Amino acid sequence: ISNLGMLLHDRGDLDGAEALYREALEAQRETLGDRHPNTLTSINNLGRLLAAKGDLDGAEALYREALEGQQETLGGRQRCFARRWRRGERRSATGTRSTLTSINNLGMLLYDKGDLDGAAPLLREALEAGRKKLGDRHPDTLISINNLGQLLEAKGDLDGAEALYREALAGQRETLGDRHPRTLISI
């Protein structure tokens, strides 16, 4: 169900994708529970879809639910991460790849809503943790580099934004090639 929902989402059939995402999420909540990693991924996917449909408040609620669930269920290290997150100590917090995706998604949602100050620590954490866990040239890290560049540009830090955009472009050229869609967007 989820895979078909993702396909419809990618094809632009947002209403069809939403119905499937909701069906998958309901079934996962019933069979796996609210905090199962697959359920949390479905929550995040539905949030991404709602953001694409312009329901930013609905998307934000789902992104926060997914992030909180990931923080609560992923072991002692993640519980420590969750405590630090709630206290605002994001510098030393690390997480799993799915947690990094949720942090990045929430940061970009706040960016889209115009909450640049709320987005900044999230996007910085996603990038810092991505560099540590995935490496500087991982495609997800390159997305985080670009996203933080967008934020810095919006805040008027053009030099900082340019440095990040150049880093993202160099990494995309190296890892994805000159003709990859992500590379072309960065040019």
C-alpha atoms as a PDB file:
ATOM      1  CA  ILE A   1       0.000   0.000   0.000  1.00  0.00           C
ATOM      2  CA  SER A   2       2.749   2.433   0.988  1.00  0.00           C
ATOM      3  CA  ASN A   3       4.808   1.742  -2.128  1.00  0.00           C
ATOM      4  CA  LEU A   4       1.831   2.384  -4.396  1.00  0.00           C
ATOM      5  CA  GLY A   5       1.155   5.553  -2.416  1.00  0.00           C
ATOM      6  CA  MET A   6       4.737   6.692  -2.999  1.00  0.00           C
ATOM      7  CA  LEU A   7       4.415   5.972  -6.701  1.00  0.00           C
ATOM      8  CA  LEU A   8       1.196   7.989  -6.956  1.00  0.00           C
ATOM      9  CA  HIS A   9       2.819  10.768  -4.934  1.00  0.00           C
ATOM     10  CA  ASP A  10       5.785  10.823  -7.309  1.00  0.00           C
ATOM     11  CA  ARG A  11       3.412  10.919 -10.277  1.00  0.00           C
ATOM     12  CA  GLY A  12       1.541  13.879  -8.806  1.00  0.00           C
ATOM     13  CA  ASP A  13      -1.680  12.047  -7.849  1.00  0.00           C
ATOM     14  CA  LEU A  14      -1.705  13.550  -4.377  1.00  0.00           C
ATOM     15  CA  ASP A  15      -5.299  12.637  -3.552  1.00  0.00           C
ATOM     16  CA  GLY A  16      -4.779   9.010  -4.558  1.00  0.00           C
ATOM     17  CA  ALA A  17      -1.513   8.894  -2.637  1.00  0.00           C
ATOM     18  CA  GLU A  18      -3.121  10.416   0.443  1.00  0.00           C
ATOM     19  CA  ALA A  19      -5.843   7.764   0.514  1.00  0.00           C
ATOM     20  CA  LEU A  20      -3.247   4.994   0.317  1.00  0.00           C
ATOM     21  CA  TYR A  21      -0.942   6.597   2.884  1.00  0.00           C
ATOM     22  CA  ARG A  22      -3.852   6.932   5.309  1.00  0.00           C
ATOM     23  CA  GLU A  23      -4.924   3.321   4.695  1.00  0.00           C
ATOM     24  CA  ALA A  24      -1.381   2.061   5.289  1.00  0.00           C
ATOM     25  CA  LEU A  25      -0.984   4.186   8.400  1.00  0.00           C
ATOM     26  CA  GLU A  26      -4.273   3.011   9.888  1.00  0.00           C
ATOM     27  CA  ALA A  27      -3.373  -0.638   9.264  1.00  0.00           C
ATOM     28  CA  GLN A  28       0.129  -0.175  10.696  1.00  0.00           C
ATOM     29  CA  ARG A  29      -1.163   1.545  13.815  1.00  0.00           C
ATOM     30  CA  GLU A  30      -3.578  -1.365  14.370  1.00  0.00           C
ATOM     31  CA  THR A  31      -1.143  -4.197  13.661  1.00  0.00           C
ATOM     32  CA  LEU A  32       2.283  -2.807  14.548  1.00  0.00           C
ATOM     33  CA  GLY A  33       1.491  -0.034  17.013  1.00  0.00           C
ATOM     34  CA  ASP A  34       2.059   3.705  17.007  1.00  0.00           C
ATOM     35  CA  ARG A  35       5.803   3.523  17.679  1.00  0.00           C
ATOM     36  CA  HIS A  36       6.896   0.813  15.242  1.00  0.00           C
ATOM     37  CA  PRO A  37       9.538   2.102  12.777  1.00  0.00           C
ATOM     38  CA  ASN A  38       7.318   1.283   9.780  1.00  0.00           C
ATOM     39  CA  THR A  39       4.414   3.192  11.327  1.00  0.00           C
ATOM     40  CA  LEU A  40       6.677   6.162  11.993  1.00  0.00           C
ATOM     41  CA  THR A  41       7.883   6.090   8.381  1.00  0.00           C
ATOM     42  CA  SER A  42       4.265   6.129   7.211  1.00  0.00           C
ATOM     43  CA  ILE A  43       3.524   9.079   9.485  1.00  0.00           C
ATOM     44  CA  ASN A  44       6.473  10.920   7.950  1.00  0.00           C
ATOM     45  CA  ASN A  45       5.347  10.021   4.410  1.00  0.00           C
ATOM     46  CA  LEU A  46       1.847  11.346   5.067  1.00  0.00           C
ATOM     47  CA  GLY A  47       3.389  14.520   6.475  1.00  0.00           C
ATOM     48  CA  ARG A  48       5.453  14.953   3.317  1.00  0.00           C
ATOM     49  CA  LEU A  49       2.322  14.531   1.220  1.00  0.00           C
ATOM     50  CA  LEU A  50       0.328  17.048   3.268  1.00  0.00           C
ATOM     51  CA  ALA A  51       3.183  19.531   2.880  1.00  0.00           C
ATOM     52  CA  ALA A  52       3.055  19.016  -0.893  1.00  0.00           C
ATOM     53  CA  LYS A  53      -0.699  19.686  -0.792  1.00  0.00           C
ATOM     54  CA  GLY A  54      -0.127  22.911   1.148  1.00  0.00           C
ATOM     55  CA  ASP A  55      -1.440  21.679   4.524  1.00  0.00           C
ATOM     56  CA  LEU A  56       1.625  22.849   6.415  1.00  0.00           C
ATOM     57  CA  ASP A  57       0.015  22.691   9.850  1.00  0.00           C
ATOM     58  CA  GLY A  58      -1.121  19.108   9.285  1.00  0.00           C
ATOM     59  CA  ALA A  59       2.317  18.205   7.966  1.00  0.00           C
ATOM     60  CA  GLU A  60       4.038  19.805  10.943  1.00  0.00           C
ATOM     61  CA  ALA A  61       1.927  17.815  13.412  1.00  0.00           C
ATOM     62  CA  LEU A  62       2.801  14.568  11.622  1.00  0.00           C
ATOM     63  CA  TYR A  63       6.508  15.393  11.349  1.00  0.00           C
ATOM     64  CA  ARG A  64       6.607  16.152  15.063  1.00  0.00           C
ATOM     65  CA  GLU A  65       4.750  12.907  15.858  1.00  0.00           C
ATOM     66  CA  ALA A  66       7.183  10.885  13.743  1.00  0.00           C
ATOM     67  CA  LEU A  67      10.229  12.560  15.267  1.00  0.00           C
ATOM     68  CA  GLU A  68       8.985  12.106  18.832  1.00  0.00           C
ATOM     69  CA  GLY A  69       8.197   8.458  18.146  1.00  0.00           C
ATOM     70  CA  GLN A  70      11.626   7.836  16.672  1.00  0.00           C
ATOM     71  CA  GLN A  71      13.259   9.483  19.646  1.00  0.00           C
ATOM     72  CA  GLU A  72      11.252   7.425  22.140  1.00  0.00           C
ATOM     73  CA  THR A  73      11.658   4.008  20.566  1.00  0.00           C
ATOM     74  CA  LEU A  74      15.202   3.722  19.331  1.00  0.00           C
ATOM     75  CA  GLY A  75      17.096   2.693  22.450  1.00  0.00           C
ATOM     76  CA  GLY A  76      18.999   4.361  25.243  1.00  0.00           C
ATOM     77  CA  ARG A  77      21.082   6.502  22.929  1.00  0.00           C
ATOM     78  CA  GLN A  78      17.914   7.756  21.288  1.00  0.00           C
ATOM     79  CA  ARG A  79      16.268   8.439  24.665  1.00  0.00           C
ATOM     80  CA  CYS A  80      19.282  10.578  25.508  1.00  0.00           C
ATOM     81  CA  PHE A  81      18.846  12.271  22.124  1.00  0.00           C
ATOM     82  CA  ALA A  82      15.168  12.911  22.903  1.00  0.00           C
ATOM     83  CA  ARG A  83      15.981  14.495  26.274  1.00  0.00           C
ATOM     84  CA  ARG A  84      18.587  16.733  24.678  1.00  0.00           C
ATOM     85  CA  TRP A  85      16.164  17.619  21.890  1.00  0.00           C
ATOM     86  CA  ARG A  86      13.432  18.663  24.329  1.00  0.00           C
ATOM     87  CA  ARG A  87      15.959  20.792  26.253  1.00  0.00           C
ATOM     88  CA  GLY A  88      17.143  22.420  23.058  1.00  0.00           C
ATOM     89  CA  GLU A  89      20.603  20.833  23.211  1.00  0.00           C
ATOM     90  CA  ARG A  90      20.724  19.807  19.592  1.00  0.00           C
ATOM     91  CA  ARG A  91      24.488  20.129  19.053  1.00  0.00           C
ATOM     92  CA  SER A  92      25.434  16.823  20.609  1.00  0.00           C
ATOM     93  CA  ALA A  93      22.344  14.861  19.628  1.00  0.00           C
ATOM     94  CA  THR A  94      22.592  12.191  16.981  1.00  0.00           C
ATOM     95  CA  GLY A  95      20.034   9.840  15.557  1.00  0.00           C
ATOM     96  CA  THR A  96      19.269   7.223  12.992  1.00  0.00           C
ATOM     97  CA  ARG A  97      18.875   7.967   9.312  1.00  0.00           C
ATOM     98  CA  SER A  98      15.082   8.039   9.655  1.00  0.00           C
ATOM     99  CA  THR A  99      15.396  10.472  12.562  1.00  0.00           C
ATOM    100  CA  LEU A 100      17.679  12.685  10.471  1.00  0.00           C
ATOM    101  CA  THR A 101      15.105  12.656   7.674  1.00  0.00           C
ATOM    102  CA  SER A 102      12.380  13.679  10.124  1.00  0.00           C
ATOM    103  CA  ILE A 103      14.525  16.479  11.544  1.00  0.00           C
ATOM    104  CA  ASN A 104      15.299  17.739   8.042  1.00  0.00           C
ATOM    105  CA  ASN A 105      11.648  17.503   6.965  1.00  0.00           C
ATOM    106  CA  LEU A 106      10.444  19.426  10.005  1.00  0.00           C
ATOM    107  CA  GLY A 107      13.154  22.040   9.478  1.00  0.00           C
ATOM    108  CA  MET A 108      12.172  22.556   5.849  1.00  0.00           C
ATOM    109  CA  LEU A 109       8.496  22.709   6.784  1.00  0.00           C
ATOM    110  CA  LEU A 110       9.215  25.481   9.295  1.00  0.00           C
ATOM    111  CA  TYR A 111      11.297  27.186   6.597  1.00  0.00           C
ATOM    112  CA  ASP A 112       8.338  26.956   4.202  1.00  0.00           C
ATOM    113  CA  LYS A 113       6.085  28.446   6.893  1.00  0.00           C
ATOM    114  CA  GLY A 114       8.503  31.367   7.266  1.00  0.00           C
ATOM    115  CA  ASP A 115       9.766  30.327  10.720  1.00  0.00           C
ATOM    116  CA  LEU A 116      13.450  30.732   9.877  1.00  0.00           C
ATOM    117  CA  ASP A 117      14.545  30.864  13.506  1.00  0.00           C
ATOM    118  CA  GLY A 118      12.694  27.622  14.243  1.00  0.00           C
ATOM    119  CA  ALA A 119      14.078  25.965  11.120  1.00  0.00           C
ATOM    120  CA  ALA A 120      17.724  26.937  11.675  1.00  0.00           C
ATOM    121  CA  PRO A 121      18.620  24.612  14.580  1.00  0.00           C
ATOM    122  CA  LEU A 122      16.825  21.700  12.946  1.00  0.00           C
ATOM    123  CA  LEU A 123      18.585  22.114   9.607  1.00  0.00           C
ATOM    124  CA  ARG A 124      21.943  22.587  11.312  1.00  0.00           C
ATOM    125  CA  GLU A 125      21.405  19.425  13.379  1.00  0.00           C
ATOM    126  CA  ALA A 126      20.353  17.435  10.316  1.00  0.00           C
ATOM    127  CA  LEU A 127      23.519  18.514   8.521  1.00  0.00           C
ATOM    128  CA  GLU A 128      25.870  17.985  11.460  1.00  0.00           C
ATOM    129  CA  ALA A 129      24.475  14.546  12.247  1.00  0.00           C
ATOM    130  CA  GLY A 130      24.340  13.629   8.557  1.00  0.00           C
ATOM    131  CA  ARG A 131      28.011  14.455   8.147  1.00  0.00           C
ATOM    132  CA  LYS A 132      28.860  12.279  11.168  1.00  0.00           C
ATOM    133  CA  LYS A 133      26.611   9.326  10.385  1.00  0.00           C
ATOM    134  CA  LEU A 134      26.519   9.277   6.581  1.00  0.00           C
ATOM    135  CA  GLY A 135      29.566  11.244   5.452  1.00  0.00           C
ATOM    136  CA  ASP A 136      30.003  14.480   3.531  1.00  0.00           C
ATOM    137  CA  ARG A 137      29.198  13.005   0.114  1.00  0.00           C
ATOM    138  CA  HIS A 138      26.107  10.970   0.955  1.00  0.00           C
ATOM    139  CA  PRO A 139      23.094  12.162  -1.083  1.00  0.00           C
ATOM    140  CA  ASP A 140      21.069  12.862   2.089  1.00  0.00           C
ATOM    141  CA  THR A 141      23.911  14.958   3.513  1.00  0.00           C
ATOM    142  CA  LEU A 142      24.137  16.881   0.245  1.00  0.00           C
ATOM    143  CA  ILE A 143      20.411  17.636   0.481  1.00  0.00           C
ATOM    144  CA  SER A 144      20.952  18.902   4.034  1.00  0.00           C
ATOM    145  CA  ILE A 145      23.830  21.099   2.857  1.00  0.00           C
ATOM    146  CA  ASN A 146      21.615  22.603   0.169  1.00  0.00           C
ATOM    147  CA  ASN A 147      18.692  23.079   2.573  1.00  0.00           C
ATOM    148  CA  LEU A 148      20.847  24.942   5.085  1.00  0.00           C
ATOM    149  CA  GLY A 149      22.141  27.053   2.192  1.00  0.00           C
ATOM    150  CA  GLN A 150      18.554  28.004   1.338  1.00  0.00           C
ATOM    151  CA  LEU A 151      17.943  29.020   4.935  1.00  0.00           C
ATOM    152  CA  LEU A 152      21.097  31.137   5.104  1.00  0.00           C
ATOM    153  CA  GLU A 153      20.154  32.823   1.834  1.00  0.00           C
ATOM    154  CA  ALA A 154      16.686  33.626   3.188  1.00  0.00           C
ATOM    155  CA  LYS A 155      18.262  35.073   6.345  1.00  0.00           C
ATOM    156  CA  GLY A 156      20.566  37.281   4.260  1.00  0.00           C
ATOM    157  CA  ASP A 157      23.817  35.385   4.898  1.00  0.00           C
ATOM    158  CA  LEU A 158      24.733  35.255   1.229  1.00  0.00           C
ATOM    159  CA  ASP A 159      28.381  34.322   1.782  1.00  0.00           C
ATOM    160  CA  GLY A 160      27.414  31.395   3.996  1.00  0.00           C
ATOM    161  CA  ALA A 161      24.742  30.310   1.528  1.00  0.00           C
ATOM    162  CA  GLU A 162      27.141  30.479  -1.405  1.00  0.00           C
ATOM    163  CA  ALA A 163      29.719  28.334   0.383  1.00  0.00           C
ATOM    164  CA  LEU A 164      27.103  25.678   1.125  1.00  0.00           C
ATOM    165  CA  TYR A 165      25.639  25.783  -2.382  1.00  0.00           C
ATOM    166  CA  ARG A 166      29.129  25.326  -3.846  1.00  0.00           C
ATOM    167  CA  GLU A 167      29.836  22.426  -1.478  1.00  0.00           C
ATOM    168  CA  ALA A 168      26.536  20.744  -2.376  1.00  0.00           C
ATOM    169  CA  LEU A 169      27.130  21.204  -6.099  1.00  0.00           C
ATOM    170  CA  ALA A 170      30.671  19.788  -5.913  1.00  0.00           C
ATOM    171  CA  GLY A 171      29.433  16.795  -3.944  1.00  0.00           C
ATOM    172  CA  GLN A 172      26.537  16.162  -6.300  1.00  0.00           C
ATOM    173  CA  ARG A 173      28.782  16.342  -9.337  1.00  0.00           C
ATOM    174  CA  GLU A 174      31.196  13.914  -7.709  1.00  0.00           C
ATOM    175  CA  THR A 175      28.642  11.393  -6.458  1.00  0.00           C
ATOM    176  CA  LEU A 176      25.670  11.779  -8.808  1.00  0.00           C
ATOM    177  CA  GLY A 177      27.227  13.115 -12.004  1.00  0.00           C
ATOM    178  CA  ASP A 178      26.698  16.293 -14.012  1.00  0.00           C
ATOM    179  CA  ARG A 179      23.358  15.237 -15.525  1.00  0.00           C
ATOM    180  CA  HIS A 180      21.552  13.987 -12.426  1.00  0.00           C
ATOM    181  CA  PRO A 181      18.376  15.993 -11.647  1.00  0.00           C
ATOM    182  CA  ARG A 182      19.669  17.028  -8.190  1.00  0.00           C
ATOM    183  CA  THR A 183      22.911  18.272  -9.719  1.00  0.00           C
ATOM    184  CA  LEU A 184      21.044  20.224 -12.384  1.00  0.00           C
ATOM    185  CA  ILE A 185      18.860  21.889  -9.743  1.00  0.00           C
ATOM    186  CA  SER A 186      22.002  22.955  -7.872  1.00  0.00           C
ATOM    187  CA  ILE A 187      23.567  24.551 -10.946  1.00  0.00           C
END
